[in-house]
Amino acid sequence: MINLNQIIVDDNEPLEKAIKRFKRLVEKEGIIREWKKREFFEKPSAVKNRKQKALVRKLLKKTRGKGGKDGKY
């Protein structure tokens, strides 16, 4: 799916401001992140391993935050 967004630049608007708006839009849409993810082929097993490790890290972080009487480590 291709979603093309446009940045309309007014005649009296500085180019730097328009570029900044464009960068913000691209970052918000996640285009760069998606491009980096798809830049090289990743085997399905590697994808599965990466997702599993991320889930384990997330669960460890969640359980680690519940220790102590004041919620700290």
PDB file of N, CA and C in Angstrom:
ATOM      1  N   MET A   1       0.837  -1.172   0.000  1.00  0.00           N
ATOM      2  CA  MET A   1       0.000   0.000   0.000  1.00  0.00           C
ATOM      3  C   MET A   1       0.889   1.245   0.000  1.00  0.00           C
ATOM      4  N   ILE A   2       0.631   2.114  -0.914  1.00  0.00           N
ATOM      5  CA  ILE A   2       1.392   3.348  -1.014  1.00  0.00           C
ATOM      6  C   ILE A   2       0.490   4.503  -0.608  1.00  0.00           C
ATOM      7  N   ASN A   3       0.959   5.247   0.373  1.00  0.00           N
ATOM      8  CA  ASN A   3       0.213   6.401   0.847  1.00  0.00           C
ATOM      9  C   ASN A   3       1.091   7.627   0.648  1.00  0.00           C
ATOM     10  N   LEU A   4       0.747   8.443  -0.337  1.00  0.00           N
ATOM     11  CA  LEU A   4       1.544   9.626  -0.625  1.00  0.00           C
ATOM     12  C   LEU A   4       0.927  10.847   0.036  1.00  0.00           C
ATOM     13  N   ASN A   5       1.672  11.451   0.919  1.00  0.00           N
ATOM     14  CA  ASN A   5       1.242  12.691   1.557  1.00  0.00           C
ATOM     15  C   ASN A   5       1.969  13.846   0.909  1.00  0.00           C
ATOM     16  N   GLN A   6       1.342  14.991   0.909  1.00  0.00           N
ATOM     17  CA  GLN A   6       1.947  16.160   0.298  1.00  0.00           C
ATOM     18  C   GLN A   6       2.138  17.260   1.335  1.00  0.00           C
ATOM     19  N   ILE A   7       3.212  17.987   1.160  1.00  0.00           N
ATOM     20  CA  ILE A   7       3.468  19.167   1.959  1.00  0.00           C
ATOM     21  C   ILE A   7       3.326  20.352   1.011  1.00  0.00           C
ATOM     22  N   ILE A   8       2.378  21.202   1.283  1.00  0.00           N
ATOM     23  CA  ILE A   8       2.158  22.366   0.445  1.00  0.00           C
ATOM     24  C   ILE A   8       2.919  23.543   1.048  1.00  0.00           C
ATOM     25  N   VAL A   9       3.801  24.127   0.246  1.00  0.00           N
ATOM     26  CA  VAL A   9       4.654  25.222   0.703  1.00  0.00           C
ATOM     27  C   VAL A   9       4.073  26.533   0.183  1.00  0.00           C
ATOM     28  N   ASP A  10       3.805  27.453   1.102  1.00  0.00           N
ATOM     29  CA  ASP A  10       3.330  28.779   0.704  1.00  0.00           C
ATOM     30  C   ASP A  10       4.494  29.590   0.128  1.00  0.00           C
ATOM     31  N   ASP A  11       4.160  30.626  -0.604  1.00  0.00           N
ATOM     32  CA  ASP A  11       5.192  31.465  -1.207  1.00  0.00           C
ATOM     33  C   ASP A  11       6.031  32.185  -0.153  1.00  0.00           C
ATOM     34  N   ASN A  12       5.408  32.578   0.941  1.00  0.00           N
ATOM     35  CA  ASN A  12       6.146  33.329   1.955  1.00  0.00           C
ATOM     36  C   ASN A  12       6.663  32.450   3.094  1.00  0.00           C
ATOM     37  N   GLU A  13       6.543  31.126   2.976  1.00  0.00           N
ATOM     38  CA  GLU A  13       7.005  30.209   4.027  1.00  0.00           C
ATOM     39  C   GLU A  13       8.464  29.834   3.776  1.00  0.00           C
ATOM     40  N   PRO A  14       9.297  29.886   4.798  1.00  0.00           N
ATOM     41  CA  PRO A  14      10.694  29.485   4.625  1.00  0.00           C
ATOM     42  C   PRO A  14      10.794  27.983   4.288  1.00  0.00           C
ATOM     43  N   LEU A  15      11.755  27.665   3.443  1.00  0.00           N
ATOM     44  CA  LEU A  15      11.945  26.279   3.014  1.00  0.00           C
ATOM     45  C   LEU A  15      12.303  25.374   4.196  1.00  0.00           C
ATOM     46  N   GLU A  16      13.076  25.887   5.144  1.00  0.00           N
ATOM     47  CA  GLU A  16      13.488  25.101   6.302  1.00  0.00           C
ATOM     48  C   GLU A  16      12.278  24.648   7.115  1.00  0.00           C
ATOM     49  N   LYS A  17      11.294  25.534   7.231  1.00  0.00           N
ATOM     50  CA  LYS A  17      10.083  25.199   7.981  1.00  0.00           C
ATOM     51  C   LYS A  17       9.295  24.097   7.275  1.00  0.00           C
ATOM     52  N   ALA A  18       9.236  24.172   5.955  1.00  0.00           N
ATOM     53  CA  ALA A  18       8.534  23.150   5.178  1.00  0.00           C
ATOM     54  C   ALA A  18       9.243  21.798   5.283  1.00  0.00           C
ATOM     55  N   ILE A  19      10.572  21.822   5.253  1.00  0.00           N
ATOM     56  CA  ILE A  19      11.344  20.579   5.389  1.00  0.00           C
ATOM     57  C   ILE A  19      11.111  19.977   6.764  1.00  0.00           C
ATOM     58  N   LYS A  20      11.050  20.821   7.778  1.00  0.00           N
ATOM     59  CA  LYS A  20      10.812  20.351   9.139  1.00  0.00           C
ATOM     60  C   LYS A  20       9.428  19.687   9.250  1.00  0.00           C
ATOM     61  N   ARG A  21       8.428  20.303   8.617  1.00  0.00           N
ATOM     62  CA  ARG A  21       7.081  19.717   8.610  1.00  0.00           C
ATOM     63  C   ARG A  21       7.081  18.370   7.897  1.00  0.00           C
ATOM     64  N   PHE A  22       7.830  18.304   6.777  1.00  0.00           N
ATOM     65  CA  PHE A  22       7.918  17.053   6.024  1.00  0.00           C
ATOM     66  C   PHE A  22       8.570  15.959   6.865  1.00  0.00           C
ATOM     67  N   LYS A  23       9.666  16.285   7.529  1.00  0.00           N
ATOM     68  CA  LYS A  23      10.357  15.310   8.381  1.00  0.00           C
ATOM     69  C   LYS A  23       9.446  14.799   9.489  1.00  0.00           C
ATOM     70  N   ARG A  24       8.695  15.723  10.107  1.00  0.00           N
ATOM     71  CA  ARG A  24       7.769  15.339  11.169  1.00  0.00           C
ATOM     72  C   ARG A  24       6.698  14.391  10.650  1.00  0.00           C
ATOM     73  N   LEU A  25       6.170  14.691   9.460  1.00  0.00           N
ATOM     74  CA  LEU A  25       5.147  13.850   8.852  1.00  0.00           C
ATOM     75  C   LEU A  25       5.687  12.454   8.552  1.00  0.00           C
ATOM     76  N   VAL A  26       6.896  12.393   7.983  1.00  0.00           N
ATOM     77  CA  VAL A  26       7.512  11.108   7.643  1.00  0.00           C
ATOM     78  C   VAL A  26       7.770  10.297   8.916  1.00  0.00           C
ATOM     79  N   GLU A  27       8.237  10.957   9.958  1.00  0.00           N
ATOM     80  CA  GLU A  27       8.506  10.274  11.223  1.00  0.00           C
ATOM     81  C   GLU A  27       7.211   9.758  11.847  1.00  0.00           C
ATOM     82  N   LYS A  28       6.169  10.570  11.803  1.00  0.00           N
ATOM     83  CA  LYS A  28       4.879  10.187  12.376  1.00  0.00           C
ATOM     84  C   LYS A  28       4.290   8.982  11.653  1.00  0.00           C
ATOM     85  N   GLU A  29       4.441   8.952  10.335  1.00  0.00           N
ATOM     86  CA  GLU A  29       3.903   7.858   9.534  1.00  0.00           C
ATOM     87  C   GLU A  29       4.736   6.592   9.676  1.00  0.00           C
ATOM     88  N   GLY A  30       5.982   6.702  10.149  1.00  0.00           N
ATOM     89  CA  GLY A  30       6.836   5.530  10.323  1.00  0.00           C
ATOM     90  C   GLY A  30       7.445   5.046   9.023  1.00  0.00           C
ATOM     91  N   ILE A  31       7.576   5.923   8.056  1.00  0.00           N
ATOM     92  CA  ILE A  31       8.078   5.528   6.739  1.00  0.00           C
ATOM     93  C   ILE A  31       9.542   5.103   6.815  1.00  0.00           C
ATOM     94  N   ILE A  32      10.365   5.869   7.506  1.00  0.00           N
ATOM     95  CA  ILE A  32      11.795   5.549   7.610  1.00  0.00           C
ATOM     96  C   ILE A  32      11.989   4.233   8.358  1.00  0.00           C
ATOM     97  N   ARG A  33      11.260   4.056   9.455  1.00  0.00           N
ATOM     98  CA  ARG A  33      11.361   2.821  10.236  1.00  0.00           C
ATOM     99  C   ARG A  33      10.989   1.615   9.374  1.00  0.00           C
ATOM    100  N   GLU A  34       9.917   1.749   8.613  1.00  0.00           N
ATOM    101  CA  GLU A  34       9.459   0.667   7.738  1.00  0.00           C
ATOM    102  C   GLU A  34      10.485   0.386   6.651  1.00  0.00           C
ATOM    103  N   TRP A  35      11.072   1.429   6.081  1.00  0.00           N
ATOM    104  CA  TRP A  35      12.069   1.255   5.031  1.00  0.00           C
ATOM    105  C   TRP A  35      13.298   0.525   5.572  1.00  0.00           C
ATOM    106  N   LYS A  36      13.752   0.910   6.763  1.00  0.00           N
ATOM    107  CA  LYS A  36      14.912   0.252   7.349  1.00  0.00           C
ATOM    108  C   LYS A  36      14.613  -1.207   7.658  1.00  0.00           C
ATOM    109  N   LYS A  37      13.373  -1.481   8.077  1.00  0.00           N
ATOM    110  CA  LYS A  37      12.991  -2.853   8.390  1.00  0.00           C
ATOM    111  C   LYS A  37      12.984  -3.726   7.133  1.00  0.00           C
ATOM    112  N   ARG A  38      12.586  -3.146   6.001  1.00  0.00           N
ATOM    113  CA  ARG A  38      12.472  -3.907   4.758  1.00  0.00           C
ATOM    114  C   ARG A  38      13.694  -3.774   3.850  1.00  0.00           C
ATOM    115  N   GLU A  39      14.705  -3.065   4.297  1.00  0.00           N
ATOM    116  CA  GLU A  39      15.874  -2.831   3.453  1.00  0.00           C
ATOM    117  C   GLU A  39      16.556  -4.140   3.076  1.00  0.00           C
ATOM    118  N   PHE A  40      16.653  -5.069   4.015  1.00  0.00           N
ATOM    119  CA  PHE A  40      17.279  -6.360   3.770  1.00  0.00           C
ATOM    120  C   PHE A  40      16.295  -7.456   4.133  1.00  0.00           C
ATOM    121  N   PHE A  41      16.405  -8.570   3.427  1.00  0.00           N
ATOM    122  CA  PHE A  41      15.527  -9.707   3.709  1.00  0.00           C
ATOM    123  C   PHE A  41      15.878 -10.306   5.058  1.00  0.00           C
ATOM    124  N   GLU A  42      14.863 -10.622   5.817  1.00  0.00           N
ATOM    125  CA  GLU A  42      15.049 -11.256   7.119  1.00  0.00           C
ATOM    126  C   GLU A  42      14.285 -12.571   7.107  1.00  0.00           C
ATOM    127  N   LYS A  43      14.978 -13.647   7.433  1.00  0.00           N
ATOM    128  CA  LYS A  43      14.344 -14.959   7.402  1.00  0.00           C
ATOM    129  C   LYS A  43      13.187 -15.002   8.394  1.00  0.00           C
ATOM    130  N   PRO A  44      12.157 -15.764   8.082  1.00  0.00           N
ATOM    131  CA  PRO A  44      11.017 -15.875   8.995  1.00  0.00           C
ATOM    132  C   PRO A  44      11.416 -16.335  10.395  1.00  0.00           C
ATOM    133  N   SER A  45      12.402 -17.219  10.488  1.00  0.00           N
ATOM    134  CA  SER A  45      12.838 -17.671  11.807  1.00  0.00           C
ATOM    135  C   SER A  45      13.494 -16.527  12.582  1.00  0.00           C
ATOM    136  N   ALA A  46      14.217 -15.660  11.885  1.00  0.00           N
ATOM    137  CA  ALA A  46      14.847 -14.517  12.541  1.00  0.00           C
ATOM    138  C   ALA A  46      13.793 -13.528  13.027  1.00  0.00           C
ATOM    139  N   VAL A  47      12.746 -13.345  12.243  1.00  0.00           N
ATOM    140  CA  VAL A  47      11.649 -12.463  12.645  1.00  0.00           C
ATOM    141  C   VAL A  47      10.987 -13.021  13.901  1.00  0.00           C
ATOM    142  N   LYS A  48      10.738 -14.318  13.898  1.00  0.00           N
ATOM    143  CA  LYS A  48      10.099 -14.972  15.044  1.00  0.00           C
ATOM    144  C   LYS A  48      10.969 -14.828  16.297  1.00  0.00           C
ATOM    145  N   ASN A  49      12.278 -15.066  16.154  1.00  0.00           N
ATOM    146  CA  ASN A  49      13.195 -14.937  17.292  1.00  0.00           C
ATOM    147  C   ASN A  49      13.238 -13.513  17.823  1.00  0.00           C
ATOM    148  N   ARG A  50      13.276 -12.529  16.916  1.00  0.00           N
ATOM    149  CA  ARG A  50      13.326 -11.124  17.329  1.00  0.00           C
ATOM    150  C   ARG A  50      12.072 -10.734  18.098  1.00  0.00           C
ATOM    151  N   LYS A  51      10.915 -11.163  17.606  1.00  0.00           N
ATOM    152  CA  LYS A  51       9.665 -10.847  18.280  1.00  0.00           C
ATOM    153  C   LYS A  51       9.581 -11.535  19.646  1.00  0.00           C
ATOM    154  N   GLN A  52      10.053 -12.775  19.718  1.00  0.00           N
ATOM    155  CA  GLN A  52      10.030 -13.502  20.987  1.00  0.00           C
ATOM    156  C   GLN A  52      10.929 -12.830  22.020  1.00  0.00           C
ATOM    157  N   LYS A  53      12.123 -12.403  21.589  1.00  0.00           N
ATOM    158  CA  LYS A  53      13.040 -11.724  22.505  1.00  0.00           C
ATOM    159  C   LYS A  53      12.458 -10.391  22.977  1.00  0.00           C
ATOM    160  N   ALA A  54      11.784  -9.680  22.083  1.00  0.00           N
ATOM    161  CA  ALA A  54      11.166  -8.405  22.462  1.00  0.00           C
ATOM    162  C   ALA A  54      10.065  -8.640  23.484  1.00  0.00           C
ATOM    163  N   LEU A  55       9.295  -9.698  23.311  1.00  0.00           N
ATOM    164  CA  LEU A  55       8.232 -10.019  24.259  1.00  0.00           C
ATOM    165  C   LEU A  55       8.812 -10.356  25.631  1.00  0.00           C
ATOM    166  N   VAL A  56       9.894 -11.132  25.652  1.00  0.00           N
ATOM    167  CA  VAL A  56      10.536 -11.487  26.922  1.00  0.00           C
ATOM    168  C   VAL A  56      11.052 -10.231  27.619  1.00  0.00           C
ATOM    169  N   ARG A  57      11.704  -9.330  26.856  1.00  0.00           N
ATOM    170  CA  ARG A  57      12.198  -8.079  27.440  1.00  0.00           C
ATOM    171  C   ARG A  57      11.060  -7.249  28.017  1.00  0.00           C
ATOM    172  N   LYS A  58       9.948  -7.200  27.288  1.00  0.00           N
ATOM    173  CA  LYS A  58       8.795  -6.420  27.741  1.00  0.00           C
ATOM    174  C   LYS A  58       8.229  -6.998  29.038  1.00  0.00           C
ATOM    175  N   LEU A  59       8.120  -8.322  29.108  1.00  0.00           N
ATOM    176  CA  LEU A  59       7.593  -8.962  30.314  1.00  0.00           C
ATOM    177  C   LEU A  59       8.534  -8.778  31.500  1.00  0.00           C
ATOM    178  N   LEU A  60       9.846  -8.886  31.263  1.00  0.00           N
ATOM    179  CA  LEU A  60      10.814  -8.678  32.342  1.00  0.00           C
ATOM    180  C   LEU A  60      10.735  -7.253  32.868  1.00  0.00           C
ATOM    181  N   LYS A  61      10.612  -6.297  31.962  1.00  0.00           N
ATOM    182  CA  LYS A  61      10.517  -4.897  32.366  1.00  0.00           C
ATOM    183  C   LYS A  61       9.248  -4.658  33.177  1.00  0.00           C
ATOM    184  N   LYS A  62       8.169  -5.296  32.761  1.00  0.00           N
ATOM    185  CA  LYS A  62       6.895  -5.126  33.458  1.00  0.00           C
ATOM    186  C   LYS A  62       6.950  -5.716  34.868  1.00  0.00           C
ATOM    187  N   THR A  63       7.531  -6.901  35.017  1.00  0.00           N
ATOM    188  CA  THR A  63       7.596  -7.540  36.330  1.00  0.00           C
ATOM    189  C   THR A  63       8.635  -6.865  37.226  1.00  0.00           C
ATOM    190  N   ARG A  64       9.689  -6.336  36.614  1.00  0.00           N
ATOM    191  CA  ARG A  64      10.735  -5.681  37.400  1.00  0.00           C
ATOM    192  C   ARG A  64      10.209  -4.416  38.065  1.00  0.00           C
ATOM    193  N   GLY A  65       9.271  -3.743  37.438  1.00  0.00           N
ATOM    194  CA  GLY A  65       8.728  -2.507  37.973  1.00  0.00           C
ATOM    195  C   GLY A  65       7.801  -2.716  39.146  1.00  0.00           C
ATOM    196  N   LYS A  66       7.340  -3.948  39.396  1.00  0.00           N
ATOM    197  CA  LYS A  66       6.390  -4.209  40.477  1.00  0.00           C
ATOM    198  C   LYS A  66       7.048  -4.530  41.806  1.00  0.00           C
ATOM    199  N   GLY A  67       8.382  -4.647  41.834  1.00  0.00           N
ATOM    200  CA  GLY A  67       9.065  -5.012  43.085  1.00  0.00           C
ATOM    201  C   GLY A  67       9.207  -3.837  44.037  1.00  0.00           C
ATOM    202  N   GLY A  68       9.474  -4.139  45.313  1.00  0.00           N
ATOM    203  CA  GLY A  68       9.695  -3.092  46.313  1.00  0.00           C
ATOM    204  C   GLY A  68       8.386  -2.505  46.832  1.00  0.00           C
ATOM    205  N   LYS A  69       8.462  -1.859  48.010  1.00  0.00           N
ATOM    206  CA  LYS A  69       7.227  -1.335  48.595  1.00  0.00           C
ATOM    207  C   LYS A  69       6.800   0.001  47.995  1.00  0.00           C
ATOM    208  N   ASP A  70       7.772   0.738  47.390  1.00  0.00           N
ATOM    209  CA  ASP A  70       7.409   2.010  46.778  1.00  0.00           C
ATOM    210  C   ASP A  70       7.391   1.920  45.252  1.00  0.00           C
ATOM    211  N   GLY A  71       7.422   0.703  44.697  1.00  0.00           N
ATOM    212  CA  GLY A  71       7.348   0.530  43.266  1.00  0.00           C
ATOM    213  C   GLY A  71       8.684   0.623  42.560  1.00  0.00           C
ATOM    214  N   LYS A  72       9.759   0.821  43.322  1.00  0.00           N
ATOM    215  CA  LYS A  72      11.091   0.879  42.725  1.00  0.00           C
ATOM    216  C   LYS A  72      11.749  -0.466  42.865  1.00  0.00           C
ATOM    217  N   TYR A  73      12.905  -0.606  42.254  1.00  0.00           N
ATOM    218  CA  TYR A  73      13.643  -1.874  42.296  1.00  0.00           C
ATOM    219  C   TYR A  73      13.819  -2.268  43.712  1.00  0.00           C
TER     220      TYR A  73
END
